């Protein structure tokens, strides 16, 4: 009888250890923060800078070609 109870206890412990891991959390919508406006301004400034650098490159190319 004691042997059966010990075996059932061990089996229950093993069954508890072998349970599946919890599912990953569901993807949620990103919540807005106070920095969103600043990040948009930085992205816009980077885009303008890239555009201006391209314009400068074209002007430099025209100067080198003499035209």
Protein backbone atom coordinates (compact mmCIF):
# COMPACT_ATOMS: atom_id res chain seq x y z
CA UNK A 1 0.00 0.00 0.00
CA UNK A 2 2.76 2.44 0.93
CA UNK A 3 4.62 1.43 -2.18
CA UNK A 4 1.58 2.29 -4.34
CA UNK A 5 1.16 5.69 -2.70
CA UNK A 6 4.86 6.51 -3.20
CA UNK A 7 4.68 5.43 -6.86
CA UNK A 8 1.56 7.54 -7.45
CA UNK A 9 3.27 10.53 -5.81
CA UNK A 10 6.36 10.13 -7.99
CA UNK A 11 4.24 9.79 -11.12
CA UNK A 12 2.29 12.91 -10.20
CA UNK A 13 5.55 14.84 -9.67
CA UNK A 14 6.89 13.68 -13.02
CA UNK A 15 3.66 14.61 -14.76
CA UNK A 16 3.82 18.11 -13.26
CA UNK A 17 7.40 18.61 -14.47
CA UNK A 18 6.58 17.54 -18.00
CA UNK A 19 3.86 20.08 -18.67
CA UNK A 20 4.04 22.25 -21.79
CA UNK A 21 5.42 25.76 -21.60
CA UNK A 22 2.87 28.56 -21.64
CA UNK A 23 2.03 29.98 -25.06
CA UNK A 24 3.84 33.19 -26.07
CA UNK A 25 1.98 36.40 -25.33
CA UNK A 26 -0.27 37.64 -28.09
CA UNK A 27 1.01 40.54 -30.16
CA UNK A 28 -0.67 43.70 -29.06
CA UNK A 29 -1.04 47.09 -30.67
CA UNK A 30 1.86 49.44 -29.88
CA UNK A 31 0.78 52.08 -27.41
CA UNK A 32 1.66 55.68 -28.25
CA UNK A 33 4.29 57.39 -26.12
CA UNK A 34 5.26 60.98 -25.43
CA UNK A 35 8.29 60.55 -27.71
CA UNK A 36 6.34 59.72 -30.89
CA UNK A 37 6.25 63.33 -32.10
CA UNK A 38 9.99 63.75 -31.53
CA UNK A 39 10.77 60.49 -33.34
CA UNK A 40 8.65 61.57 -36.32
CA UNK A 41 10.50 64.90 -36.43
CA UNK A 42 13.87 63.12 -36.39
CA UNK A 43 12.79 60.76 -39.19
CA UNK A 44 11.60 63.71 -41.27
CA UNK A 45 14.88 65.56 -40.68
CA UNK A 46 16.87 62.51 -41.78
CA UNK A 47 14.80 62.26 -44.97
CA UNK A 48 15.37 65.95 -45.74
CA UNK A 49 19.08 65.55 -45.05
CA UNK A 50 19.31 62.62 -47.46
CA UNK A 51 17.50 64.63 -50.12
CA UNK A 52 19.83 67.61 -49.64
CA UNK A 53 22.91 65.39 -49.78
CA UNK A 54 21.70 63.95 -53.09
CA UNK A 55 21.17 67.48 -54.42
CA UNK A 56 24.70 68.45 -53.29
CA UNK A 57 26.16 65.37 -54.94
CA UNK A 58 24.49 66.30 -58.24
CA UNK A 59 25.79 69.87 -58.03
CA UNK A 60 29.31 68.65 -57.26
CA UNK A 61 29.11 66.31 -60.23
CA UNK A 62 28.05 69.16 -62.52
CA UNK A 63 30.93 71.33 -61.27
CA UNK A 64 33.44 68.56 -61.91
CA UNK A 65 32.15 68.04 -65.45
CA UNK A 66 32.35 71.77 -66.14
CA UNK A 67 28.73 72.19 -66.89
